C-alpha atoms as a PDB file:
ATOM      1  CA  MET A   1      95.677  78.877  92.814  1.00  0.00           C
ATOM      2  CA  ARG A   2      95.899  75.367  90.805  1.00  0.00           C
ATOM      3  CA  TRP A   3      96.687  77.527  87.846  1.00  0.00           C
ATOM      4  CA  SER A   4     100.039  79.249  89.289  1.00  0.00           C
ATOM      5  CA  VAL A   5     101.054  75.801  90.737  1.00  0.00           C
ATOM      6  CA  VAL A   6     100.653  74.877  86.775  1.00  0.00           C
ATOM      7  CA  ILE A   7     102.158  77.927  85.680  1.00  0.00           C
ATOM      8  CA  ALA A   8     105.211  77.544  87.987  1.00  0.00           C
ATOM      9  CA  CYS A   9     105.806  73.627  86.913  1.00  0.00           C
ATOM     10  CA  THR A  10     105.725  74.865  83.606  1.00  0.00           C
ATOM     11  CA  LEU A  11     108.219  77.742  84.014  1.00  0.00           C
ATOM     12  CA  SER A  12     110.232  75.397  86.194  1.00  0.00           C
ATOM     13  CA  GLY A  13     110.536  72.684  83.466  1.00  0.00           C
ATOM     14  CA  ALA A  14     111.428  75.214  81.003  1.00  0.00           C
ATOM     15  CA  LEU A  15     114.337  76.429  83.026  1.00  0.00           C
ATOM     16  CA  HIS A  16     115.695  72.585  83.700  1.00  0.00           C
ATOM     17  CA  ALA A  17     115.050  71.700  79.914  1.00  0.00           C
ATOM     18  CA  GLN A  18     118.379  70.535  78.057  1.00  0.00           C
ATOM     19  CA  THR A  19     119.015  72.176  74.896  1.00  0.00           C
ATOM     20  CA  LEU A  20     121.908  70.664  72.394  1.00  0.00           C
ATOM     21  CA  PHE A  21     123.912  72.335  70.494  1.00  0.00           C
ATOM     22  CA  THR A  22     126.360  71.902  67.964  1.00  0.00           C
ATOM     23  CA  GLY A  23     129.114  74.131  66.491  1.00  0.00           C
ATOM     24  CA  ARG A  24     132.384  74.597  65.434  1.00  0.00           C
ATOM     25  CA  VAL A  25     135.757  76.085  67.549  1.00  0.00           C
ATOM     26  CA  VAL A  26     138.275  77.755  65.230  1.00  0.00           C
ATOM     27  CA  ASP A  27     140.963  80.214  65.521  1.00  0.00           C
ATOM     28  CA  ALA A  28     139.792  84.016  66.176  1.00  0.00           C
ATOM     29  CA  ALA A  29     142.576  85.657  63.606  1.00  0.00           C
ATOM     30  CA  SER A  30     142.655  82.853  60.783  1.00  0.00           C
ATOM     31  CA  GLY A  31     139.317  81.056  61.154  1.00  0.00           C
ATOM     32  CA  ALA A  32     141.330  77.463  61.176  1.00  0.00           C
ATOM     33  CA  PRO A  33     139.256  74.483  63.204  1.00  0.00           C
ATOM     34  CA  LEU A  34     140.805  73.993  66.448  1.00  0.00           C
ATOM     35  CA  PRO A  35     140.634  70.188  66.576  1.00  0.00           C
ATOM     36  CA  TYR A  36     140.400  68.439  69.820  1.00  0.00           C
ATOM     37  CA  CYS A  37     139.366  71.688  71.566  1.00  0.00           C
ATOM     38  CA  THR A  38     138.108  71.039  75.364  1.00  0.00           C
ATOM     39  CA  VAL A  39     134.358  72.052  75.509  1.00  0.00           C
ATOM     40  CA  ALA A  40     132.634  71.988  79.100  1.00  0.00           C
ATOM     41  CA  ARG A  41     129.867  73.095  81.094  1.00  0.00           C
ATOM     42  CA  THR A  42     130.652  75.383  83.872  1.00  0.00           C
ATOM     43  CA  GLY A  43     130.346  74.234  87.394  1.00  0.00           C
ATOM     44  CA  SER A  44     129.987  70.506  85.981  1.00  0.00           C
ATOM     45  CA  THR A  45     131.868  67.331  84.702  1.00  0.00           C
ATOM     46  CA  GLN A  46     130.158  67.345  81.674  1.00  0.00           C
ATOM     47  CA  GLY A  47     131.791  67.969  78.152  1.00  0.00           C
ATOM     48  CA  THR A  48     133.189  66.908  75.193  1.00  0.00           C
ATOM     49  CA  ILE A  49     136.055  67.604  72.534  1.00  0.00           C
ATOM     50  CA  THR A  50     135.606  69.210  69.292  1.00  0.00           C
ATOM     51  CA  ASN A  51     136.396  66.765  66.715  1.00  0.00           C
ATOM     52  CA  ALA A  52     139.264  67.186  63.884  1.00  0.00           C
ATOM     53  CA  ASP A  53     137.586  69.787  62.040  1.00  0.00           C
ATOM     54  CA  GLY A  54     136.722  71.745  65.044  1.00  0.00           C
ATOM     55  CA  LEU A  55     133.091  70.373  65.455  1.00  0.00           C
ATOM     56  CA  PHE A  56     131.298  69.952  68.348  1.00  0.00           C
ATOM     57  CA  ARG A  57     127.792  68.998  70.140  1.00  0.00           C
ATOM     58  CA  ILE A  58     126.828  69.672  73.782  1.00  0.00           C
ATOM     59  CA  THR A  59     123.783  69.639  75.746  1.00  0.00           C
ATOM     60  CA  VAL A  60     123.538  72.561  77.999  1.00  0.00           C
ATOM     61  CA  GLY A  61     120.499  74.139  80.142  1.00  0.00           C
ATOM     62  CA  ALA A  62     119.005  77.583  80.141  1.00  0.00           C
ATOM     63  CA  LEU A  63     121.099  78.313  83.189  1.00  0.00           C
ATOM     64  CA  ASP A  64     124.385  76.768  82.038  1.00  0.00           C
ATOM     65  CA  SER A  65     126.975  78.538  80.162  1.00  0.00           C
ATOM     66  CA  VAL A  66     129.845  76.616  78.013  1.00  0.00           C
ATOM     67  CA  ARG A  67     133.521  77.076  78.579  1.00  0.00           C
ATOM     68  CA  PHE A  68     135.881  76.338  75.616  1.00  0.00           C
ATOM     69  CA  SER A  69     139.636  75.892  76.241  1.00  0.00           C
ATOM     70  CA  PHE A  70     142.737  74.910  73.838  1.00  0.00           C
ATOM     71  CA  VAL A  71     146.403  74.966  74.761  1.00  0.00           C
ATOM     72  CA  GLY A  72     147.908  78.317  73.414  1.00  0.00           C
ATOM     73  CA  TYR A  73     144.511  80.122  73.319  1.00  0.00           C
ATOM     74  CA  THR A  74     142.430  82.293  75.900  1.00  0.00           C
ATOM     75  CA  THR A  75     139.799  80.089  77.169  1.00  0.00           C
ATOM     76  CA  ARG A  76     136.185  81.771  76.496  1.00  0.00           C
ATOM     77  CA  THR A  77     133.180  80.936  78.496  1.00  0.00           C
ATOM     78  CA  LEU A  78     129.806  81.725  76.799  1.00  0.00           C
ATOM     79  CA  PRO A  79     126.259  82.016  78.449  1.00  0.00           C
ATOM     80  CA  PHE A  80     123.226  79.694  77.422  1.00  0.00           C
ATOM     81  CA  GLY A  81     121.708  82.944  76.075  1.00  0.00           C
ATOM     82  CA  ARG A  82     125.039  83.626  73.714  1.00  0.00           C
ATOM     83  CA  LEU A  83     124.742  80.117  72.354  1.00  0.00           C
ATOM     84  CA  ALA A  84     123.464  79.766  68.708  1.00  0.00           C
ATOM     85  CA  GLU A  85     123.094  76.287  66.561  1.00  0.00           C
ATOM     86  CA  GLY A  86     125.677  75.941  64.396  1.00  0.00           C
ATOM     87  CA  MET A  87     128.052  79.076  65.624  1.00  0.00           C
ATOM     88  CA  ASP A  88     131.897  79.437  65.220  1.00  0.00           C
ATOM     89  CA  VAL A  89     133.458  79.970  68.300  1.00  0.00           C
ATOM     90  CA  ARG A  90     136.526  82.005  67.991  1.00  0.00           C
ATOM     91  CA  LEU A  91     139.510  81.596  70.376  1.00  0.00           C
ATOM     92  CA  ALA A  92     142.256  84.017  70.520  1.00  0.00           C
ATOM     93  CA  PRO A  93     145.784  83.025  70.726  1.00  0.00           C
ATOM     94  CA  ALA A  94     146.789  83.648  74.119  1.00  0.00           C
ATOM     95  CA  ALA A  95     150.324  85.314  74.776  1.00  0.00           C
ATOM     96  CA  ILE A  96     152.155  83.840  77.765  1.00  0.00           C
ATOM     97  CA  ALA A  97     155.901  84.462  78.317  1.00  0.00           C
ATOM     98  CA  ILE A  98     157.736  82.007  80.185  1.00  0.00           C
ATOM     99  CA  GLY A  99     160.664  83.015  82.632  1.00  0.00           C
ATOM    100  CA  GLU A 100     164.163  81.322  81.732  1.00  0.00           C
ATOM    101  CA  VAL A 101     164.706  77.666  82.776  1.00  0.00           C
ATOM    102  CA  VAL A 102     167.933  76.264  83.741  1.00  0.00           C
ATOM    103  CA  ILE A 103     168.310  72.551  83.874  1.00  0.00           C
ATOM    104  CA  ARG A 104     171.650  71.619  86.011  1.00  0.00           C
ATOM    105  CA  PRO A 105     173.542  68.284  86.118  1.00  0.00           C
ATOM    106  CA  ASP A 106     172.524  65.928  89.053  1.00  0.00           C
ATOM    107  CA  ASP A 107     175.406  63.607  89.972  1.00  0.00           C
ATOM    108  CA  ARG A 108     172.593  61.337  91.999  1.00  0.00           C
ATOM    109  CA  LEU A 109     170.181  61.039  89.210  1.00  0.00           C
ATOM    110  CA  TYR A 110     172.709  60.314  86.673  1.00  0.00           C
ATOM    111  CA  GLU A 111     173.775  57.339  88.840  1.00  0.00           C
ATOM    112  CA  ARG A 112     170.596  56.112  89.255  1.00  0.00           C
ATOM    113  CA  VAL A 113     169.713  56.421  85.712  1.00  0.00           C
ATOM    114  CA  ILE A 114     172.741  54.410  84.940  1.00  0.00           C
ATOM    115  CA  ARG A 115     172.121  51.779  87.944  1.00  0.00           C
ATOM    116  CA  ALA A 116     168.763  51.175  86.079  1.00  0.00           C
ATOM    117  CA  ASN A 117     170.113  51.061  82.885  1.00  0.00           C
ATOM    118  CA  LYS A 118     172.296  48.054  83.985  1.00  0.00           C
ATOM    119  CA  TRP A 119     169.373  46.367  85.697  1.00  0.00           C
ATOM    120  CA  ILE A 120     167.065  46.763  82.709  1.00  0.00           C
ATOM    121  CA  ARG A 121     169.453  45.201  80.258  1.00  0.00           C
ATOM    122  CA  GLN A 122     169.718  42.121  82.239  1.00  0.00           C
ATOM    123  CA  ALA A 123     165.920  41.476  82.405  1.00  0.00           C
ATOM    124  CA  PRO A 124     164.292  38.718  81.103  1.00  0.00           C
ATOM    125  CA  PRO A 125     162.014  39.428  78.169  1.00  0.00           C
ATOM    126  CA  ILE A 126     158.405  40.266  79.502  1.00  0.00           C
ATOM    127  CA  GLY A 127     154.762  41.661  78.563  1.00  0.00           C
ATOM    128  CA  SER A 128     153.646  44.419  80.007  1.00  0.00           C
ATOM    129  CA  LYS A 129     150.673  47.187  80.230  1.00  0.00           C
ATOM    130  CA  LEU A 130     152.001  50.651  79.458  1.00  0.00           C
ATOM    131  CA  PHE A 131     150.006  53.861  80.642  1.00  0.00           C
ATOM    132  CA  PHE A 132     150.453  57.074  79.448  1.00  0.00           C
ATOM    133  CA  GLY A 133     148.858  60.211  80.730  1.00  0.00           C
ATOM    134  CA  MET A 134     148.965  63.867  80.497  1.00  0.00           C
ATOM    135  CA  GLU A 135     146.861  66.682  81.683  1.00  0.00           C
ATOM    136  CA  ASN A 136     147.214  70.298  81.117  1.00  0.00           C
ATOM    137  CA  TYR A 137     145.973  73.345  83.474  1.00  0.00           C
ATOM    138  CA  SER A 138     145.411  76.965  82.642  1.00  0.00           C
ATOM    139  CA  ARG A 139     144.380  79.293  85.397  1.00  0.00           C
ATOM    140  CA  GLY A 140     143.514  76.101  87.409  1.00  0.00           C
ATOM    141  CA  LEU A 141     141.116  74.745  84.911  1.00  0.00           C
ATOM    142  CA  PRO A 142     141.380  71.751  82.537  1.00  0.00           C
ATOM    143  CA  VAL A 143     142.887  72.186  79.304  1.00  0.00           C
ATOM    144  CA  GLU A 144     143.659  69.026  77.769  1.00  0.00           C
ATOM    145  CA  MET A 145     143.732  65.611  78.970  1.00  0.00           C
ATOM    146  CA  ILE A 146     145.369  62.836  77.376  1.00  0.00           C
ATOM    147  CA  HIS A 147     145.072  58.924  78.403  1.00  0.00           C
ATOM    148  CA  ALA A 148     146.813  56.352  76.348  1.00  0.00           C
ATOM    149  CA  TYR A 149     146.723  52.651  77.445  1.00  0.00           C
ATOM    150  CA  TYR A 150     149.392  50.171  75.162  1.00  0.00           C
ATOM    151  CA  THR A 151     150.531  46.432  75.577  1.00  0.00           C
ATOM    152  CA  ALA A 152     154.202  46.115  74.887  1.00  0.00           C
ATOM    153  CA  SER A 153     156.785  43.282  74.796  1.00  0.00           C
ATOM    154  CA  LEU A 154     160.218  44.150  76.304  1.00  0.00           C
ATOM    155  CA  ARG A 155     163.537  42.577  76.226  1.00  0.00           C
ATOM    156  CA  GLY A 156     166.578  44.274  77.752  1.00  0.00           C
ATOM    157  CA  GLY A 157     165.416  47.280  77.753  1.00  0.00           C
ATOM    158  CA  GLU A 158     164.526  47.224  73.776  1.00  0.00           C
ATOM    159  CA  LEU A 159     160.724  47.405  72.753  1.00  0.00           C
ATOM    160  CA  LEU A 160     160.163  44.431  70.824  1.00  0.00           C
ATOM    161  CA  ASP A 161     156.187  45.372  69.939  1.00  0.00           C
ATOM    162  CA  TRP A 162     153.232  47.292  70.798  1.00  0.00           C
ATOM    163  CA  SER A 163     150.069  47.908  70.246  1.00  0.00           C
END
């Protein structure tokens, strides 16, 4: 009885053990590295991005799968058993046809932009914190997220300085 408890605990610990994997994400056709590709454990909020050379490092458990996604490429998910240390993960370009987009002028929008422009030109000099955020999704899954914060000085709608 005691041995079965020890074996069960050992087996349980082995299944929940975390393993650190490193690898590289590349274009399937050219072999070129894909910089800033999203690498994430499925079913969790844990993940990372590749560096400028397409290299990544992620910790995963024996029951985990890892999702690789990049704008313009087909997302790929690999289970723990198919991951190998130092492997190249190849992503194929995704061919997505987008329908025609027609943009029509809107007089009300134009009037609002003109009013805002006049107000901004009369505004006193100010210092401001600016935030830029962009998130891209493919089939409901996050592919790319960019958040940037800037400090800016503005006078009359003119950008004087930023950092």
